[in-house]
């Protein structure tokens, strides 16, 4: 019998504070915006990159909702979007 959740309710392999759904959302973002020399990048650059990769509308909407600032990595974007247990920053 395999265990679907650990003692903290996380799926195996999920970082602390992140549900399996959070991991999937962060991975989906990374899939459409990552690449060689992807960061640092501002919101407009991230949206352009995702559009050029034909990212799904949900990813584009999430990126468009970001504040107009420079992001250092996918984790920075995920944190801003409230992925990982923290609430979205004001």
N, C-alpha and C. Protein backbone atom coordinates (compact mmCIF):
# COMPACT_ATOMS: atom_id res chain seq x y z
N UNK A 1 0.85 -1.18 0.00
CA UNK A 1 0.00 0.00 0.00
C UNK A 1 0.88 1.23 0.00
N UNK A 2 0.65 2.17 -0.93
CA UNK A 2 1.45 3.37 -0.99
C UNK A 2 0.77 4.49 -0.23
N UNK A 3 1.58 5.40 0.25
CA UNK A 3 1.06 6.52 1.01
C UNK A 3 0.90 7.71 0.07
N UNK A 4 -0.32 8.29 0.01
CA UNK A 4 -0.58 9.41 -0.87
C UNK A 4 -0.17 10.74 -0.25
N UNK A 5 -0.10 10.81 1.05
CA UNK A 5 0.21 12.04 1.77
C UNK A 5 1.15 11.74 2.92
N UNK A 6 2.01 12.73 3.27
CA UNK A 6 2.85 12.55 4.43
C UNK A 6 2.10 13.01 5.67
N UNK A 7 2.78 13.09 6.80
CA UNK A 7 2.14 13.48 8.06
C UNK A 7 1.63 14.92 8.04
N UNK A 8 2.09 15.72 7.08
CA UNK A 8 1.68 17.12 6.99
C UNK A 8 0.67 17.34 5.86
N UNK A 9 0.19 16.26 5.23
CA UNK A 9 -0.80 16.38 4.18
C UNK A 9 -0.23 16.67 2.81
N UNK A 10 1.10 16.64 2.68
CA UNK A 10 1.74 16.91 1.39
C UNK A 10 1.86 15.62 0.61
N UNK A 11 1.77 15.76 -0.71
CA UNK A 11 2.04 14.63 -1.59
C UNK A 11 3.54 14.37 -1.58
N UNK A 12 3.95 13.12 -1.79
CA UNK A 12 5.38 12.82 -1.81
C UNK A 12 6.11 13.69 -2.82
N UNK A 13 7.24 14.26 -2.40
CA UNK A 13 8.04 15.09 -3.29
C UNK A 13 7.63 16.55 -3.30
N UNK A 14 6.56 16.91 -2.61
CA UNK A 14 6.14 18.31 -2.56
C UNK A 14 6.97 19.04 -1.52
N UNK A 15 7.52 20.21 -1.88
CA UNK A 15 8.27 20.98 -0.90
C UNK A 15 7.38 21.40 0.27
N UNK A 16 7.99 21.61 1.43
CA UNK A 16 7.24 22.02 2.60
C UNK A 16 6.46 23.30 2.30
N UNK A 17 5.21 23.33 2.69
CA UNK A 17 4.36 24.48 2.47
C UNK A 17 3.68 24.48 1.11
N UNK A 18 3.92 23.45 0.30
CA UNK A 18 3.31 23.39 -1.03
C UNK A 18 2.53 22.10 -1.19
N UNK A 19 1.31 22.24 -1.67
CA UNK A 19 0.51 21.07 -1.98
C UNK A 19 0.92 20.54 -3.34
N UNK A 20 0.45 19.38 -3.68
CA UNK A 20 0.73 18.82 -5.00
C UNK A 20 0.18 19.75 -6.08
N UNK A 21 -0.97 20.37 -5.82
CA UNK A 21 -1.55 21.32 -6.78
C UNK A 21 -0.65 22.54 -6.93
N UNK A 22 -0.08 23.04 -5.83
CA UNK A 22 0.85 24.17 -5.90
C UNK A 22 2.07 23.81 -6.76
N UNK A 23 2.60 22.62 -6.55
CA UNK A 23 3.76 22.17 -7.32
C UNK A 23 3.41 22.12 -8.80
N UNK A 24 2.22 21.61 -9.11
CA UNK A 24 1.79 21.52 -10.50
C UNK A 24 1.64 22.91 -11.12
N UNK A 25 1.05 23.84 -10.38
CA UNK A 25 0.88 25.21 -10.89
C UNK A 25 2.23 25.88 -11.14
N UNK A 26 3.15 25.72 -10.19
CA UNK A 26 4.48 26.32 -10.35
C UNK A 26 5.21 25.69 -11.52
N UNK A 27 5.10 24.39 -11.67
CA UNK A 27 5.74 23.70 -12.80
C UNK A 27 5.16 24.15 -14.12
N UNK A 28 3.85 24.36 -14.15
CA UNK A 28 3.20 24.81 -15.37
C UNK A 28 3.70 26.20 -15.76
N UNK A 29 3.82 27.09 -14.80
CA UNK A 29 4.38 28.42 -15.08
C UNK A 29 5.79 28.28 -15.64
N UNK A 30 6.61 27.50 -14.96
CA UNK A 30 8.01 27.35 -15.37
C UNK A 30 8.12 26.79 -16.78
N UNK A 31 7.25 25.89 -17.14
CA UNK A 31 7.27 25.26 -18.46
C UNK A 31 7.17 26.31 -19.56
N UNK A 32 6.42 27.37 -19.33
CA UNK A 32 6.15 28.36 -20.38
C UNK A 32 7.06 29.57 -20.34
N UNK A 33 7.80 29.78 -19.25
CA UNK A 33 8.61 31.00 -19.17
C UNK A 33 10.10 30.74 -18.95
N UNK A 34 10.48 29.52 -18.65
CA UNK A 34 11.88 29.24 -18.36
C UNK A 34 12.68 29.05 -19.64
N UNK A 35 13.95 29.10 -19.47
CA UNK A 35 14.86 28.89 -20.58
C UNK A 35 16.22 29.48 -20.25
N UNK A 36 17.11 29.38 -21.18
CA UNK A 36 18.44 29.94 -20.98
C UNK A 36 18.31 31.45 -20.80
N UNK A 37 18.91 31.95 -19.76
CA UNK A 37 18.90 33.38 -19.46
C UNK A 37 17.48 33.94 -19.31
N UNK A 38 16.59 33.17 -18.73
CA UNK A 38 15.19 33.58 -18.58
C UNK A 38 15.02 34.68 -17.52
N UNK A 39 15.90 34.72 -16.56
CA UNK A 39 15.77 35.67 -15.46
C UNK A 39 17.07 36.43 -15.28
N UNK A 40 16.97 37.64 -14.75
CA UNK A 40 15.78 38.33 -14.29
C UNK A 40 14.90 38.76 -15.47
N UNK A 41 13.62 38.92 -15.18
CA UNK A 41 12.66 39.32 -16.22
C UNK A 41 11.52 40.09 -15.58
N UNK A 42 11.02 41.07 -16.31
CA UNK A 42 9.86 41.82 -15.81
C UNK A 42 8.57 41.18 -16.33
N UNK A 43 7.45 41.69 -15.85
CA UNK A 43 6.15 41.11 -16.21
C UNK A 43 5.95 41.07 -17.72
N UNK A 44 6.24 42.17 -18.41
CA UNK A 44 6.01 42.23 -19.86
C UNK A 44 6.84 41.17 -20.58
N UNK A 45 8.08 40.99 -20.17
CA UNK A 45 8.95 39.99 -20.79
C UNK A 45 8.42 38.59 -20.55
N UNK A 46 7.95 38.33 -19.34
CA UNK A 46 7.40 37.02 -19.01
C UNK A 46 6.16 36.72 -19.85
N UNK A 47 5.28 37.71 -19.99
CA UNK A 47 4.07 37.53 -20.79
C UNK A 47 4.44 37.29 -22.25
N UNK A 48 5.36 38.09 -22.77
CA UNK A 48 5.79 37.92 -24.16
C UNK A 48 6.37 36.53 -24.40
N UNK A 49 7.21 36.07 -23.47
CA UNK A 49 7.82 34.75 -23.61
C UNK A 49 6.75 33.67 -23.61
N UNK A 50 5.81 33.77 -22.70
CA UNK A 50 4.75 32.76 -22.61
C UNK A 50 3.87 32.79 -23.87
N UNK A 51 3.56 33.98 -24.36
CA UNK A 51 2.77 34.08 -25.59
C UNK A 51 3.50 33.47 -26.77
N UNK A 52 4.79 33.70 -26.86
CA UNK A 52 5.57 33.16 -27.98
C UNK A 52 5.64 31.63 -27.94
N UNK A 53 5.42 31.06 -26.75
CA UNK A 53 5.42 29.61 -26.57
C UNK A 53 4.01 29.03 -26.65
N UNK A 54 3.04 29.89 -26.97
CA UNK A 54 1.62 29.48 -27.04
C UNK A 54 1.12 28.91 -25.71
N UNK A 55 1.46 29.60 -24.62
CA UNK A 55 1.03 29.18 -23.29
C UNK A 55 -0.48 29.23 -23.18
N UNK A 56 -1.06 28.37 -22.34
CA UNK A 56 -2.52 28.39 -22.14
C UNK A 56 -2.96 29.71 -21.50
N UNK A 57 -4.23 30.03 -21.71
CA UNK A 57 -4.78 31.29 -21.21
C UNK A 57 -4.62 31.44 -19.70
N UNK A 58 -4.72 30.37 -18.95
CA UNK A 58 -4.56 30.45 -17.50
C UNK A 58 -3.19 30.93 -17.08
N UNK A 59 -2.16 30.47 -17.78
CA UNK A 59 -0.79 30.90 -17.50
C UNK A 59 -0.64 32.37 -17.86
N UNK A 60 -1.15 32.76 -19.04
CA UNK A 60 -1.05 34.15 -19.47
C UNK A 60 -1.78 35.08 -18.49
N UNK A 61 -2.94 34.67 -18.05
CA UNK A 61 -3.70 35.49 -17.08
C UNK A 61 -2.94 35.65 -15.78
N UNK A 62 -2.35 34.57 -15.30
CA UNK A 62 -1.57 34.63 -14.06
C UNK A 62 -0.39 35.59 -14.22
N UNK A 63 0.32 35.49 -15.33
CA UNK A 63 1.46 36.37 -15.56
C UNK A 63 1.02 37.83 -15.70
N UNK A 64 -0.08 38.06 -16.36
CA UNK A 64 -0.59 39.44 -16.52
C UNK A 64 -1.01 40.04 -15.19
N UNK A 65 -1.37 39.19 -14.23
CA UNK A 65 -1.80 39.69 -12.92
C UNK A 65 -0.63 40.10 -12.02
N UNK A 66 0.57 39.79 -12.44
CA UNK A 66 1.75 40.13 -11.63
C UNK A 66 1.95 41.64 -11.59
N UNK A 67 2.54 42.14 -10.51
CA UNK A 67 2.87 43.56 -10.48
C UNK A 67 3.99 43.86 -11.48
N UNK A 68 4.11 45.11 -11.86
CA UNK A 68 5.12 45.52 -12.83
C UNK A 68 6.45 45.71 -12.10
N UNK A 69 7.19 44.61 -11.99
CA UNK A 69 8.52 44.64 -11.36
C UNK A 69 9.35 43.54 -11.97
N UNK A 70 10.60 43.47 -11.59
CA UNK A 70 11.50 42.44 -12.08
C UNK A 70 11.47 41.24 -11.15
N UNK A 71 11.39 40.06 -11.74
CA UNK A 71 11.37 38.80 -11.00
C UNK A 71 12.70 38.09 -11.20
N UNK A 72 13.17 37.43 -10.14
CA UNK A 72 14.49 36.79 -10.20
C UNK A 72 14.45 35.33 -10.59
N UNK A 73 13.30 34.66 -10.37
CA UNK A 73 13.18 33.24 -10.71
C UNK A 73 11.71 32.82 -10.61
N UNK A 74 11.45 31.57 -10.94
CA UNK A 74 10.07 31.06 -10.91
C UNK A 74 9.53 31.07 -9.48
N UNK A 75 10.36 30.79 -8.51
CA UNK A 75 9.91 30.80 -7.12
C UNK A 75 9.41 32.20 -6.72
N UNK A 76 10.10 33.23 -7.19
CA UNK A 76 9.69 34.60 -6.93
C UNK A 76 8.29 34.87 -7.50
N UNK A 77 8.05 34.38 -8.72
CA UNK A 77 6.75 34.54 -9.36
C UNK A 77 5.69 33.74 -8.59
N UNK A 78 6.01 32.51 -8.25
CA UNK A 78 5.06 31.66 -7.51
C UNK A 78 4.68 32.31 -6.19
N UNK A 79 5.65 32.85 -5.50
CA UNK A 79 5.37 33.52 -4.22
C UNK A 79 4.42 34.70 -4.43
N UNK A 80 4.68 35.48 -5.46
CA UNK A 80 3.83 36.64 -5.76
C UNK A 80 2.39 36.21 -6.06
N UNK A 81 2.24 35.06 -6.69
CA UNK A 81 0.92 34.55 -7.04
C UNK A 81 0.26 33.78 -5.90
N UNK A 82 0.96 33.64 -4.78
CA UNK A 82 0.39 32.94 -3.63
C UNK A 82 0.46 31.43 -3.76
N UNK A 83 1.32 30.94 -4.62
CA UNK A 83 1.50 29.50 -4.79
C UNK A 83 2.49 29.03 -3.74
N UNK A 84 2.06 28.10 -2.92
CA UNK A 84 2.96 27.56 -1.92
C UNK A 84 2.52 27.79 -0.50
N UNK A 85 1.25 28.12 -0.33
CA UNK A 85 0.73 28.25 1.02
C UNK A 85 0.67 29.67 1.50
N UNK A 86 1.51 30.57 0.98
CA UNK A 86 1.45 31.97 1.37
C UNK A 86 0.35 32.66 0.58
N UNK A 87 -0.19 33.68 1.14
CA UNK A 87 -1.19 34.47 0.43
C UNK A 87 -0.49 35.40 -0.54
N UNK A 88 -1.21 35.81 -1.56
CA UNK A 88 -0.66 36.72 -2.55
C UNK A 88 -0.26 38.03 -1.86
N UNK A 89 0.89 38.55 -2.26
CA UNK A 89 1.38 39.79 -1.66
C UNK A 89 0.54 40.95 -2.11
N UNK A 90 0.43 41.98 -1.23
CA UNK A 90 -0.27 43.21 -1.59
C UNK A 90 0.57 44.07 -2.49
